[in-house]
Amino acid sequence: MDCKITYDAFHSQKDNISEFGHIISACQSLFSTHFTNSRVEFSRRQVNAAAHALGGEATSLASPVIYFNIPRCINNIIFNEML
């Protein structure tokens, strides 16, 4: 939930005078100045697990691969999410 709270704070228009709010404000300022072609999004833990597994798989491959079926490295992650 910490990531979701941070995401919500980043996209909030409310002022937060806490230390956390000041950090978020600094991040918003930095982001709007230097990362204009980027966005902040929230991804659930399961999505991060799948991305991490695919990243690990990609580093072991010698050339680009196009998957037409669910790769074995994330099959269990996706299956468990469907339960």
PDB file of N, CA and C in Angstrom:
ATOM      1  N   MET A   1       0.811  -1.200   0.000  1.00  0.00           N
ATOM      2  CA  MET A   1       0.000   0.000   0.000  1.00  0.00           C
ATOM      3  C   MET A   1       0.852   1.261   0.000  1.00  0.00           C
ATOM      4  N   ASP A   2       2.108   1.188   0.413  1.00  0.00           N
ATOM      5  CA  ASP A   2       2.950   2.385   0.417  1.00  0.00           C
ATOM      6  C   ASP A   2       3.096   2.976  -0.979  1.00  0.00           C
ATOM      7  N   CYS A   3       3.229   2.117  -1.986  1.00  0.00           N
ATOM      8  CA  CYS A   3       3.359   2.616  -3.354  1.00  0.00           C
ATOM      9  C   CYS A   3       2.078   3.297  -3.803  1.00  0.00           C
ATOM     10  N   LYS A   4       0.938   2.739  -3.451  1.00  0.00           N
ATOM     11  CA  LYS A   4      -0.350   3.330  -3.824  1.00  0.00           C
ATOM     12  C   LYS A   4      -0.538   4.679  -3.136  1.00  0.00           C
ATOM     13  N   ILE A   5      -0.150   4.781  -1.892  1.00  0.00           N
ATOM     14  CA  ILE A   5      -0.246   6.044  -1.156  1.00  0.00           C
ATOM     15  C   ILE A   5       0.641   7.100  -1.815  1.00  0.00           C
ATOM     16  N   THR A   6       1.846   6.711  -2.189  1.00  0.00           N
ATOM     17  CA  THR A   6       2.764   7.634  -2.853  1.00  0.00           C
ATOM     18  C   THR A   6       2.210   8.064  -4.211  1.00  0.00           C
ATOM     19  N   TYR A   7       1.683   7.132  -4.964  1.00  0.00           N
ATOM     20  CA  TYR A   7       1.074   7.441  -6.256  1.00  0.00           C
ATOM     21  C   TYR A   7      -0.081   8.431  -6.087  1.00  0.00           C
ATOM     22  N   ASP A   8      -0.963   8.141  -5.144  1.00  0.00           N
ATOM     23  CA  ASP A   8      -2.108   9.029  -4.898  1.00  0.00           C
ATOM     24  C   ASP A   8      -1.655  10.422  -4.484  1.00  0.00           C
ATOM     25  N   ALA A   9      -0.642  10.498  -3.631  1.00  0.00           N
ATOM     26  CA  ALA A   9      -0.125  11.793  -3.185  1.00  0.00           C
ATOM     27  C   ALA A   9       0.493  12.559  -4.344  1.00  0.00           C
ATOM     28  N   PHE A  10       1.192  11.860  -5.214  1.00  0.00           N
ATOM     29  CA  PHE A  10       1.840  12.503  -6.352  1.00  0.00           C
ATOM     30  C   PHE A  10       0.808  13.135  -7.280  1.00  0.00           C
ATOM     31  N   HIS A  11      -0.330  12.483  -7.436  1.00  0.00           N
ATOM     32  CA  HIS A  11      -1.370  12.976  -8.347  1.00  0.00           C
ATOM     33  C   HIS A  11      -2.412  13.841  -7.649  1.00  0.00           C
ATOM     34  N   SER A  12      -2.286  14.024  -6.365  1.00  0.00           N
ATOM     35  CA  SER A  12      -3.248  14.830  -5.610  1.00  0.00           C
ATOM     36  C   SER A  12      -2.983  16.317  -5.800  1.00  0.00           C
ATOM     37  N   GLN A  13      -4.054  17.096  -5.752  1.00  0.00           N
ATOM     38  CA  GLN A  13      -3.936  18.548  -5.836  1.00  0.00           C
ATOM     39  C   GLN A  13      -3.953  19.189  -4.442  1.00  0.00           C
ATOM     40  N   LYS A  14      -4.133  18.369  -3.416  1.00  0.00           N
ATOM     41  CA  LYS A  14      -4.196  18.875  -2.040  1.00  0.00           C
ATOM     42  C   LYS A  14      -2.803  19.184  -1.516  1.00  0.00           C
ATOM     43  N   ASP A  15      -2.719  20.217  -0.693  1.00  0.00           N
ATOM     44  CA  ASP A  15      -1.455  20.541  -0.032  1.00  0.00           C
ATOM     45  C   ASP A  15      -1.252  19.624   1.161  1.00  0.00           C
ATOM     46  N   ASN A  16      -0.036  19.133   1.312  1.00  0.00           N
ATOM     47  CA  ASN A  16       0.320  18.278   2.430  1.00  0.00           C
ATOM     48  C   ASN A  16       1.544  18.906   3.082  1.00  0.00           C
ATOM     49  N   ILE A  17       1.386  19.417   4.291  1.00  0.00           N
ATOM     50  CA  ILE A  17       2.483  20.152   4.936  1.00  0.00           C
ATOM     51  C   ILE A  17       3.431  19.255   5.726  1.00  0.00           C
ATOM     52  N   SER A  18       3.233  17.945   5.634  1.00  0.00           N
ATOM     53  CA  SER A  18       4.129  17.030   6.329  1.00  0.00           C
ATOM     54  C   SER A  18       5.449  16.916   5.558  1.00  0.00           C
ATOM     55  N   GLU A  19       6.419  16.241   6.142  1.00  0.00           N
ATOM     56  CA  GLU A  19       7.700  16.012   5.468  1.00  0.00           C
ATOM     57  C   GLU A  19       7.481  15.201   4.188  1.00  0.00           C
ATOM     58  N   PHE A  20       6.600  14.223   4.282  1.00  0.00           N
ATOM     59  CA  PHE A  20       6.246  13.418   3.107  1.00  0.00           C
ATOM     60  C   PHE A  20       5.688  14.320   1.997  1.00  0.00           C
ATOM     61  N   GLY A  21       4.818  15.251   2.366  1.00  0.00           N
ATOM     62  CA  GLY A  21       4.235  16.175   1.405  1.00  0.00           C
ATOM     63  C   GLY A  21       5.267  17.046   0.731  1.00  0.00           C
ATOM     64  N   HIS A  22       6.276  17.470   1.491  1.00  0.00           N
ATOM     65  CA  HIS A  22       7.354  18.280   0.918  1.00  0.00           C
ATOM     66  C   HIS A  22       8.184  17.468  -0.073  1.00  0.00           C
ATOM     67  N   ILE A  23       8.416  16.217   0.242  1.00  0.00           N
ATOM     68  CA  ILE A  23       9.163  15.345  -0.673  1.00  0.00           C
ATOM     69  C   ILE A  23       8.366  15.137  -1.950  1.00  0.00           C
ATOM     70  N   ILE A  24       7.075  14.875  -1.813  1.00  0.00           N
ATOM     71  CA  ILE A  24       6.214  14.693  -2.986  1.00  0.00           C
ATOM     72  C   ILE A  24       6.192  15.962  -3.826  1.00  0.00           C
ATOM     73  N   SER A  25       6.087  17.115  -3.181  1.00  0.00           N
ATOM     74  CA  SER A  25       6.078  18.394  -3.896  1.00  0.00           C
ATOM     75  C   SER A  25       7.374  18.593  -4.681  1.00  0.00           C
ATOM     76  N   ALA A  26       8.498  18.261  -4.070  1.00  0.00           N
ATOM     77  CA  ALA A  26       9.790  18.374  -4.752  1.00  0.00           C
ATOM     78  C   ALA A  26       9.846  17.411  -5.947  1.00  0.00           C
ATOM     79  N   CYS A  27       9.313  16.214  -5.772  1.00  0.00           N
ATOM     80  CA  CYS A  27       9.283  15.244  -6.871  1.00  0.00           C
ATOM     81  C   CYS A  27       8.395  15.737  -8.008  1.00  0.00           C
ATOM     82  N   GLN A  28       7.236  16.308  -7.672  1.00  0.00           N
ATOM     83  CA  GLN A  28       6.342  16.850  -8.695  1.00  0.00           C
ATOM     84  C   GLN A  28       7.031  17.958  -9.483  1.00  0.00           C
ATOM     85  N   SER A  29       7.720  18.832  -8.787  1.00  0.00           N
ATOM     86  CA  SER A  29       8.425  19.930  -9.438  1.00  0.00           C
ATOM     87  C   SER A  29       9.524  19.409 -10.355  1.00  0.00           C
ATOM     88  N   LEU A  30      10.315  18.495  -9.858  1.00  0.00           N
ATOM     89  CA  LEU A  30      11.389  17.892 -10.638  1.00  0.00           C
ATOM     90  C   LEU A  30      10.824  17.161 -11.850  1.00  0.00           C
ATOM     91  N   PHE A  31       9.760  16.442 -11.623  1.00  0.00           N
ATOM     92  CA  PHE A  31       9.149  15.651 -12.682  1.00  0.00           C
ATOM     93  C   PHE A  31       8.603  16.542 -13.792  1.00  0.00           C
ATOM     94  N   SER A  32       7.922  17.626 -13.416  1.00  0.00           N
ATOM     95  CA  SER A  32       7.333  18.513 -14.424  1.00  0.00           C
ATOM     96  C   SER A  32       8.402  19.289 -15.193  1.00  0.00           C
ATOM     97  N   THR A  33       9.579  19.450 -14.607  1.00  0.00           N
ATOM     98  CA  THR A  33      10.663  20.182 -15.253  1.00  0.00           C
ATOM     99  C   THR A  33      11.515  19.290 -16.155  1.00  0.00           C
ATOM    100  N   HIS A  34      11.861  18.097 -15.665  1.00  0.00           N
ATOM    101  CA  HIS A  34      12.830  17.253 -16.365  1.00  0.00           C
ATOM    102  C   HIS A  34      12.270  16.008 -17.025  1.00  0.00           C
ATOM    103  N   PHE A  35      11.060  15.626 -16.696  1.00  0.00           N
ATOM    104  CA  PHE A  35      10.498  14.385 -17.233  1.00  0.00           C
ATOM    105  C   PHE A  35       9.159  14.645 -17.915  1.00  0.00           C
ATOM    106  N   THR A  36       9.133  15.597 -18.822  1.00  0.00           N
ATOM    107  CA  THR A  36       7.869  16.029 -19.434  1.00  0.00           C
ATOM    108  C   THR A  36       7.241  14.957 -20.324  1.00  0.00           C
ATOM    109  N   ASN A  37       8.011  14.027 -20.829  1.00  0.00           N
ATOM    110  CA  ASN A  37       7.478  12.953 -21.671  1.00  0.00           C
ATOM    111  C   ASN A  37       7.286  11.656 -20.902  1.00  0.00           C
ATOM    112  N   SER A  38       7.156  11.756 -19.591  1.00  0.00           N
ATOM    113  CA  SER A  38       6.996  10.580 -18.740  1.00  0.00           C
ATOM    114  C   SER A  38       5.753  10.727 -17.884  1.00  0.00           C
ATOM    115  N   ARG A  39       5.381   9.667 -17.204  1.00  0.00           N
ATOM    116  CA  ARG A  39       4.250   9.712 -16.292  1.00  0.00           C
ATOM    117  C   ARG A  39       4.489   8.764 -15.122  1.00  0.00           C
ATOM    118  N   VAL A  40       3.827   9.043 -14.033  1.00  0.00           N
ATOM    119  CA  VAL A  40       3.909   8.201 -12.842  1.00  0.00           C
ATOM    120  C   VAL A  40       2.655   7.336 -12.808  1.00  0.00           C
ATOM    121  N   GLU A  41       2.847   6.038 -12.708  1.00  0.00           N
ATOM    122  CA  GLU A  41       1.728   5.106 -12.663  1.00  0.00           C
ATOM    123  C   GLU A  41       1.910   4.148 -11.501  1.00  0.00           C
ATOM    124  N   PHE A  42       0.805   3.560 -11.091  1.00  0.00           N
ATOM    125  CA  PHE A  42       0.822   2.553 -10.037  1.00  0.00           C
ATOM    126  C   PHE A  42       0.606   1.189 -10.665  1.00  0.00           C
ATOM    127  N   SER A  43       1.438   0.243 -10.319  1.00  0.00           N
ATOM    128  CA  SER A  43       1.288  -1.139 -10.774  1.00  0.00           C
ATOM    129  C   SER A  43       1.202  -2.044  -9.564  1.00  0.00           C
ATOM    130  N   ARG A  44       0.260  -2.948  -9.603  1.00  0.00           N
ATOM    131  CA  ARG A  44       0.130  -3.888  -8.483  1.00  0.00           C
ATOM    132  C   ARG A  44       1.354  -4.789  -8.406  1.00  0.00           C
ATOM    133  N   ARG A  45       1.586  -5.364  -7.261  1.00  0.00           N
ATOM    134  CA  ARG A  45       2.768  -6.192  -7.004  1.00  0.00           C
ATOM    135  C   ARG A  45       2.889  -7.342  -8.006  1.00  0.00           C
ATOM    136  N   GLN A  46       1.757  -7.934  -8.399  1.00  0.00           N
ATOM    137  CA  GLN A  46       1.797  -9.052  -9.331  1.00  0.00           C
ATOM    138  C   GLN A  46       2.349  -8.614 -10.690  1.00  0.00           C
ATOM    139  N   VAL A  47       1.999  -7.404 -11.114  1.00  0.00           N
ATOM    140  CA  VAL A  47       2.516  -6.893 -12.382  1.00  0.00           C
ATOM    141  C   VAL A  47       4.018  -6.686 -12.267  1.00  0.00           C
ATOM    142  N   ASN A  48       4.462  -6.161 -11.154  1.00  0.00           N
ATOM    143  CA  ASN A  48       5.898  -5.973 -10.944  1.00  0.00           C
ATOM    144  C   ASN A  48       6.625  -7.305 -10.952  1.00  0.00           C
ATOM    145  N   ALA A  49       6.009  -8.338 -10.373  1.00  0.00           N
ATOM    146  CA  ALA A  49       6.630  -9.659 -10.356  1.00  0.00           C
ATOM    147  C   ALA A  49       6.771 -10.194 -11.773  1.00  0.00           C
ATOM    148  N   ALA A  50       5.752 -10.001 -12.600  1.00  0.00           N
ATOM    149  CA  ALA A  50       5.816 -10.461 -13.989  1.00  0.00           C
ATOM    150  C   ALA A  50       6.881  -9.680 -14.758  1.00  0.00           C
ATOM    151  N   ALA A  51       6.935  -8.371 -14.573  1.00  0.00           N
ATOM    152  CA  ALA A  51       7.942  -7.547 -15.251  1.00  0.00           C
ATOM    153  C   ALA A  51       9.353  -7.951 -14.811  1.00  0.00           C
ATOM    154  N   HIS A  52       9.529  -8.225 -13.523  1.00  0.00           N
ATOM    155  CA  HIS A  52      10.837  -8.641 -13.005  1.00  0.00           C
ATOM    156  C   HIS A  52      11.243  -9.979 -13.619  1.00  0.00           C
ATOM    157  N   ALA A  53      10.302 -10.917 -13.702  1.00  0.00           N
ATOM    158  CA  ALA A  53      10.596 -12.229 -14.284  1.00  0.00           C
ATOM    159  C   ALA A  53      10.941 -12.101 -15.763  1.00  0.00           C
ATOM    160  N   LEU A  54      10.182 -11.283 -16.485  1.00  0.00           N
ATOM    161  CA  LEU A  54      10.488 -11.088 -17.910  1.00  0.00           C
ATOM    162  C   LEU A  54      11.837 -10.402 -18.104  1.00  0.00           C
ATOM    163  N   GLY A  55      12.157  -9.455 -17.241  1.00  0.00           N
ATOM    164  CA  GLY A  55      13.456  -8.794 -17.318  1.00  0.00           C
ATOM    165  C   GLY A  55      14.597  -9.765 -17.090  1.00  0.00           C
ATOM    166  N   GLY A  56      14.430 -10.653 -16.130  1.00  0.00           N
ATOM    167  CA  GLY A  56      15.446 -11.669 -15.879  1.00  0.00           C
ATOM    168  C   GLY A  56      15.609 -12.620 -17.048  1.00  0.00           C
ATOM    169  N   GLU A  57      14.493 -12.967 -17.652  1.00  0.00           N
ATOM    170  CA  GLU A  57      14.520 -13.846 -18.820  1.00  0.00           C
ATOM    171  C   GLU A  57      15.215 -13.150 -19.995  1.00  0.00           C
ATOM    172  N   ALA A  58      14.922 -11.872 -20.178  1.00  0.00           N
ATOM    173  CA  ALA A  58      15.479 -11.130 -21.315  1.00  0.00           C
ATOM    174  C   ALA A  58      17.003 -11.031 -21.244  1.00  0.00           C
ATOM    175  N   THR A  59      17.545 -10.921 -20.045  1.00  0.00           N
ATOM    176  CA  THR A  59      19.008 -10.800 -19.930  1.00  0.00           C
ATOM    177  C   THR A  59      19.724 -12.091 -20.279  1.00  0.00           C
ATOM    178  N   SER A  60      18.992 -13.219 -20.271  1.00  0.00           N
ATOM    179  CA  SER A  60      19.632 -14.490 -20.595  1.00  0.00           C
ATOM    180  C   SER A  60      19.503 -14.846 -22.079  1.00  0.00           C
ATOM    181  N   LEU A  61      18.763 -14.035 -22.840  1.00  0.00           N
ATOM    182  CA  LEU A  61      18.575 -14.307 -24.264  1.00  0.00           C
ATOM    183  C   LEU A  61      19.607 -13.554 -25.089  1.00  0.00           C
ATOM    184  N   ALA A  62      20.066 -14.181 -26.174  1.00  0.00           N
ATOM    185  CA  ALA A  62      21.082 -13.564 -27.020  1.00  0.00           C
ATOM    186  C   ALA A  62      20.481 -12.603 -28.039  1.00  0.00           C
ATOM    187  N   SER A  63      19.200 -12.776 -28.376  1.00  0.00           N
ATOM    188  CA  SER A  63      18.576 -11.912 -29.381  1.00  0.00           C
ATOM    189  C   SER A  63      17.127 -11.644 -28.991  1.00  0.00           C
ATOM    190  N   PRO A  64      16.495 -10.648 -29.611  1.00  0.00           N
ATOM    191  CA  PRO A  64      15.093 -10.332 -29.291  1.00  0.00           C
ATOM    192  C   PRO A  64      14.167 -11.519 -29.560  1.00  0.00           C
ATOM    193  N   VAL A  65      13.119 -11.632 -28.766  1.00  0.00           N
ATOM    194  CA  VAL A  65      12.165 -12.730 -28.898  1.00  0.00           C
ATOM    195  C   VAL A  65      10.758 -12.150 -28.885  1.00  0.00           C
ATOM    196  N   ILE A  66       9.910 -12.676 -29.761  1.00  0.00           N
ATOM    197  CA  ILE A  66       8.486 -12.337 -29.740  1.00  0.00           C
ATOM    198  C   ILE A  66       7.741 -13.569 -29.249  1.00  0.00           C
ATOM    199  N   TYR A  67       6.998 -13.400 -28.152  1.00  0.00           N
ATOM    200  CA  TYR A  67       6.241 -14.510 -27.590  1.00  0.00           C
ATOM    201  C   TYR A  67       4.821 -14.495 -28.158  1.00  0.00           C
ATOM    202  N   PHE A  68       4.362 -15.624 -28.656  1.00  0.00           N
ATOM    203  CA  PHE A  68       2.994 -15.756 -29.132  1.00  0.00           C
ATOM    204  C   PHE A  68       2.113 -16.441 -28.092  1.00  0.00           C
ATOM    205  N   ASN A  69       2.725 -17.037 -27.114  1.00  0.00           N
ATOM    206  CA  ASN A  69       2.037 -17.661 -25.981  1.00  0.00           C
ATOM    207  C   ASN A  69       2.645 -17.097 -24.702  1.00  0.00           C
ATOM    208  N   ILE A  70       2.001 -17.357 -23.585  1.00  0.00           N
ATOM    209  CA  ILE A  70       2.523 -16.870 -22.300  1.00  0.00           C
ATOM    210  C   ILE A  70       3.871 -17.542 -22.035  1.00  0.00           C
ATOM    211  N   PRO A  71       4.914 -16.755 -21.817  1.00  0.00           N
ATOM    212  CA  PRO A  71       6.230 -17.339 -21.525  1.00  0.00           C
ATOM    213  C   PRO A  71       6.193 -18.137 -20.213  1.00  0.00           C
ATOM    214  N   ARG A  72       6.940 -19.213 -20.177  1.00  0.00           N
ATOM    215  CA  ARG A  72       6.972 -20.058 -18.978  1.00  0.00           C
ATOM    216  C   ARG A  72       7.406 -19.298 -17.738  1.00  0.00           C
ATOM    217  N   CYS A  73       8.271 -18.297 -17.921  1.00  0.00           N
ATOM    218  CA  CYS A  73       8.809 -17.569 -16.769  1.00  0.00           C
ATOM    219  C   CYS A  73       7.733 -16.769 -16.022  1.00  0.00           C
ATOM    220  N   ILE A  74       6.615 -16.454 -16.661  1.00  0.00           N
ATOM    221  CA  ILE A  74       5.545 -15.715 -15.976  1.00  0.00           C
ATOM    222  C   ILE A  74       4.225 -16.483 -15.947  1.00  0.00           C
ATOM    223  N   ASN A  75       4.218 -17.699 -16.456  1.00  0.00           N
ATOM    224  CA  ASN A  75       2.997 -18.502 -16.509  1.00  0.00           C
ATOM    225  C   ASN A  75       2.360 -18.666 -15.123  1.00  0.00           C
ATOM    226  N   ASN A  76       3.164 -19.037 -14.122  1.00  0.00           N
ATOM    227  CA  ASN A  76       2.624 -19.234 -12.760  1.00  0.00           C
ATOM    228  C   ASN A  76       2.107 -17.948 -12.156  1.00  0.00           C
ATOM    229  N   ILE A  77       2.788 -16.837 -12.412  1.00  0.00           N
ATOM    230  CA  ILE A  77       2.355 -15.550 -11.880  1.00  0.00           C
ATOM    231  C   ILE A  77       0.975 -15.198 -12.425  1.00  0.00           C
ATOM    232  N   ILE A  78       0.800 -15.360 -13.724  1.00  0.00           N
ATOM    233  CA  ILE A  78      -0.485 -15.055 -14.345  1.00  0.00           C
ATOM    234  C   ILE A  78      -1.555 -16.025 -13.880  1.00  0.00           C
ATOM    235  N   PHE A  79      -1.233 -17.302 -13.822  1.00  0.00           N
ATOM    236  CA  PHE A  79      -2.197 -18.305 -13.387  1.00  0.00           C
ATOM    237  C   PHE A  79      -2.672 -18.048 -11.963  1.00  0.00           C
ATOM    238  N   ASN A  80      -1.744 -17.729 -11.059  1.00  0.00           N
ATOM    239  CA  ASN A  80      -2.108 -17.448  -9.672  1.00  0.00           C
ATOM    240  C   ASN A  80      -2.981 -16.211  -9.551  1.00  0.00           C
ATOM    241  N   GLU A  81      -2.776 -15.245 -10.424  1.00  0.00           N
ATOM    242  CA  GLU A  81      -3.581 -14.018 -10.405  1.00  0.00           C
ATOM    243  C   GLU A  81      -5.023 -14.301 -10.839  1.00  0.00           C
ATOM    244  N   MET A  82      -5.199 -15.293 -11.675  1.00  0.00           N
ATOM    245  CA  MET A  82      -6.529 -15.619 -12.186  1.00  0.00           C
ATOM    246  C   MET A  82      -7.369 -16.371 -11.157  1.00  0.00           C
ATOM    247  N   LEU A  83      -6.745 -16.937 -10.141  1.00  0.00           N
ATOM    248  CA  LEU A  83      -7.485 -17.702  -9.128  1.00  0.00           C
ATOM    249  C   LEU A  83      -8.296 -16.812  -8.228  1.00  0.00           C
TER     250      LEU A  83
END
